[in-house]
């Protein structure tokens, strides 16, 4: 069995304890705790992974990052996220807000209308899948017509019902 991992002395034991407790997020705390557990006792990476409920590869990665770059090496941001987009987030919100206003006036909005307006704004053709992903990204649910028209006059409807019979 391989021996426990070694941690380079970037921080003293007291500084490391403070560093671990000052973690801004749960994920960062977990990374720092893996370093701390490896530092204070001769814990194997497999034991640390079991205690933290993460994979062994993750523990080895965090240890490598810490040994190579020190405490800032653990703070690196993940590689996920939205890298390419036709519209920025505020532009998408403004576009969807215009549809919300139009729907409030009684206009029936569907994906084809949204698709057409997006293509006009971008001056290029995009797929319908892009429209559905945009709506999902902004937590829009299915857009449907109102049960009543906003300019409905209930008195006129009641009068019509009385006279028509």
Protein backbone atom coordinates (compact mmCIF):
# COMPACT_ATOMS: atom_id res chain seq x y z
CA UNK A 1 0.00 0.00 0.00
CA UNK A 2 1.34 3.40 -0.84
CA UNK A 3 2.26 5.75 1.97
CA UNK A 4 0.11 8.75 2.92
CA UNK A 5 0.46 11.87 0.82
CA UNK A 6 2.80 14.60 2.02
CA UNK A 7 1.77 18.26 2.20
CA UNK A 8 4.28 21.02 1.50
CA UNK A 9 4.58 23.47 4.40
CA UNK A 10 2.97 26.51 2.77
CA UNK A 11 1.17 27.36 6.03
CA UNK A 12 1.84 26.58 9.69
CA UNK A 13 -0.62 24.35 11.56
CA UNK A 14 -2.35 27.33 13.19
CA UNK A 15 -2.55 29.28 9.92
CA UNK A 16 -3.95 26.21 8.18
CA UNK A 17 -6.65 25.79 10.86
CA UNK A 18 -7.73 29.41 10.36
CA UNK A 19 -7.56 28.99 6.57
CA UNK A 20 -9.85 25.93 6.69
CA UNK A 21 -12.43 27.65 8.91
CA UNK A 22 -12.51 30.78 6.74
CA UNK A 23 -13.72 28.92 3.64
CA UNK A 24 -16.39 31.00 1.83
CA UNK A 25 -18.37 28.07 0.38
CA UNK A 26 -19.14 24.48 1.23
CA UNK A 27 -17.16 23.25 -1.76
CA UNK A 28 -14.09 25.27 -0.80
CA UNK A 29 -14.41 24.03 2.78
CA UNK A 30 -14.38 20.45 1.53
CA UNK A 31 -11.22 21.08 -0.51
CA UNK A 32 -9.46 22.72 2.41
CA UNK A 33 -10.59 20.01 4.81
CA UNK A 34 -9.02 17.36 2.56
CA UNK A 35 -5.71 19.24 2.82
CA UNK A 36 -6.11 19.62 6.59
CA UNK A 37 -6.88 15.93 7.18
CA UNK A 38 -3.88 14.91 5.12
CA UNK A 39 -1.71 17.38 7.05
CA UNK A 40 -2.69 16.60 10.67
CA UNK A 41 -2.66 12.85 10.60
CA UNK A 42 -1.18 10.36 8.24
CA UNK A 43 -4.52 9.77 6.51
CA UNK A 44 -4.45 8.01 3.19
CA UNK A 45 -6.26 9.64 0.26
CA UNK A 46 -8.80 6.82 0.27
CA UNK A 47 -9.66 7.47 3.95
CA UNK A 48 -9.98 11.23 3.33
CA UNK A 49 -12.21 10.56 0.31
CA UNK A 50 -14.42 8.27 2.40
CA UNK A 51 -14.72 10.84 5.20
CA UNK A 52 -15.60 13.66 2.80
CA UNK A 53 -17.79 11.56 0.47
CA UNK A 54 -15.75 12.42 -2.65
CA UNK A 55 -13.73 10.40 -5.11
CA UNK A 56 -10.11 9.46 -4.45
CA UNK A 57 -9.09 11.18 -7.67
CA UNK A 58 -10.55 14.44 -6.38
CA UNK A 59 -8.51 14.23 -3.19
CA UNK A 60 -5.32 13.54 -5.14
CA UNK A 61 -6.09 16.46 -7.46
CA UNK A 62 -6.62 18.86 -4.54
CA UNK A 63 -3.41 17.67 -2.86
CA UNK A 64 -1.48 18.15 -6.08
CA UNK A 65 -2.89 21.65 -6.60
CA UNK A 66 -2.04 22.63 -3.04
CA UNK A 67 1.49 21.22 -3.21
CA UNK A 68 2.22 22.91 -6.56
CA UNK A 69 0.61 26.32 -6.06
CA UNK A 70 -0.07 26.65 -2.35
CA UNK A 71 -3.40 27.84 -0.89
CA UNK A 72 -4.38 29.85 -4.00
CA UNK A 73 -4.12 26.65 -6.07
CA UNK A 74 -7.21 25.25 -4.35
CA UNK A 75 -9.26 28.38 -5.08
CA UNK A 76 -9.26 27.91 -8.85
CA UNK A 77 -12.63 28.08 -10.55
CA UNK A 78 -14.16 25.08 -12.30
CA UNK A 79 -14.19 24.68 -16.05
CA UNK A 80 -17.96 24.50 -16.42
CA UNK A 81 -20.29 27.28 -17.41
CA UNK A 82 -21.68 29.08 -20.38
CA UNK A 83 -18.86 30.09 -22.70
CA UNK A 84 -20.62 30.90 -25.97
CA UNK A 85 -23.78 32.86 -26.37
CA UNK A 86 -25.60 34.91 -28.97
CA UNK A 87 -26.95 37.37 -26.39
CA UNK A 88 -25.61 38.42 -23.02
CA UNK A 89 -27.61 37.62 -19.90
CA UNK A 90 -29.07 41.18 -19.58
CA UNK A 91 -29.99 41.19 -23.30
CA UNK A 92 -31.80 37.88 -22.89
CA UNK A 93 -33.66 39.21 -19.84
CA UNK A 94 -34.70 42.37 -21.71
CA UNK A 95 -35.94 40.30 -24.65
CA UNK A 96 -37.99 38.01 -22.42
CA UNK A 97 -39.35 41.01 -20.50
CA UNK A 98 -40.74 42.39 -23.77
CA UNK A 99 -42.60 39.11 -24.30
CA UNK A 100 -43.90 39.24 -20.75
CA UNK A 101 -45.31 42.73 -21.37
CA UNK A 102 -46.89 41.67 -24.67
CA UNK A 103 -48.45 38.61 -23.01
CA UNK A 104 -49.82 40.87 -20.26
CA UNK A 105 -51.69 42.87 -22.91
CA UNK A 106 -53.47 39.73 -24.07
CA UNK A 107 -51.26 38.68 -26.97
CA UNK A 108 -50.70 34.96 -27.29
CA UNK A 109 -46.97 34.28 -27.28
CA UNK A 110 -45.58 31.00 -28.56
CA UNK A 111 -42.11 29.69 -29.32
CA UNK A 112 -42.40 30.46 -33.02
CA UNK A 113 -42.99 34.16 -32.28
CA UNK A 114 -40.09 34.22 -29.84
CA UNK A 115 -37.90 32.44 -32.41
CA UNK A 116 -38.81 34.97 -35.10
CA UNK A 117 -38.01 37.95 -32.84
CA UNK A 118 -34.71 36.43 -31.73
CA UNK A 119 -33.70 35.82 -35.36
CA UNK A 120 -34.61 39.42 -36.21
CA UNK A 121 -32.60 40.78 -33.29
CA UNK A 122 -29.55 38.62 -34.04
CA UNK A 123 -29.85 39.02 -37.83
CA UNK A 124 -29.11 35.32 -38.18
CA UNK A 125 -31.06 32.08 -38.06
CA UNK A 126 -31.00 30.12 -34.78
CA UNK A 127 -32.57 26.78 -33.99
CA UNK A 128 -35.76 26.28 -32.04
CA UNK A 129 -33.67 24.36 -29.53
CA UNK A 130 -31.85 27.61 -28.73
CA UNK A 131 -35.20 29.23 -27.88
CA UNK A 132 -36.23 26.35 -25.62
CA UNK A 133 -32.84 26.44 -23.84
CA UNK A 134 -33.14 30.22 -23.41
CA UNK A 135 -36.57 29.83 -21.82
CA UNK A 136 -35.29 27.05 -19.57
CA UNK A 137 -32.23 29.11 -18.60
CA UNK A 138 -34.48 31.89 -17.33
CA UNK A 139 -36.91 29.49 -15.58
CA UNK A 140 -39.80 30.28 -17.88
CA UNK A 141 -42.63 27.83 -17.73
CA UNK A 142 -45.04 27.08 -20.54
CA UNK A 143 -46.51 30.32 -21.82
CA UNK A 144 -50.23 30.08 -22.41
CA UNK A 145 -53.18 32.39 -22.95
CA UNK A 146 -55.06 33.90 -20.04
CA UNK A 147 -58.40 32.38 -19.05
CA UNK A 148 -60.04 35.79 -19.67
CA UNK A 149 -59.23 38.75 -21.88
CA UNK A 150 -57.96 41.72 -19.84
CA UNK A 151 -60.69 44.00 -21.27
CA UNK A 152 -63.54 41.62 -20.44
CA UNK A 153 -66.72 43.31 -19.19
CA UNK A 154 -68.55 40.89 -16.88
CA UNK A 155 -71.74 43.02 -16.79
CA UNK A 156 -72.09 42.93 -20.58
CA UNK A 157 -71.58 39.15 -20.54
CA UNK A 158 -74.27 38.68 -17.89
CA UNK A 159 -76.67 40.91 -19.84
CA UNK A 160 -75.99 38.95 -23.03
CA UNK A 161 -76.70 35.66 -21.23
CA UNK A 162 -80.04 36.97 -19.93
CA UNK A 163 -81.20 38.32 -23.29
CA UNK A 164 -80.05 35.40 -25.43
CA UNK A 165 -82.24 32.88 -23.64
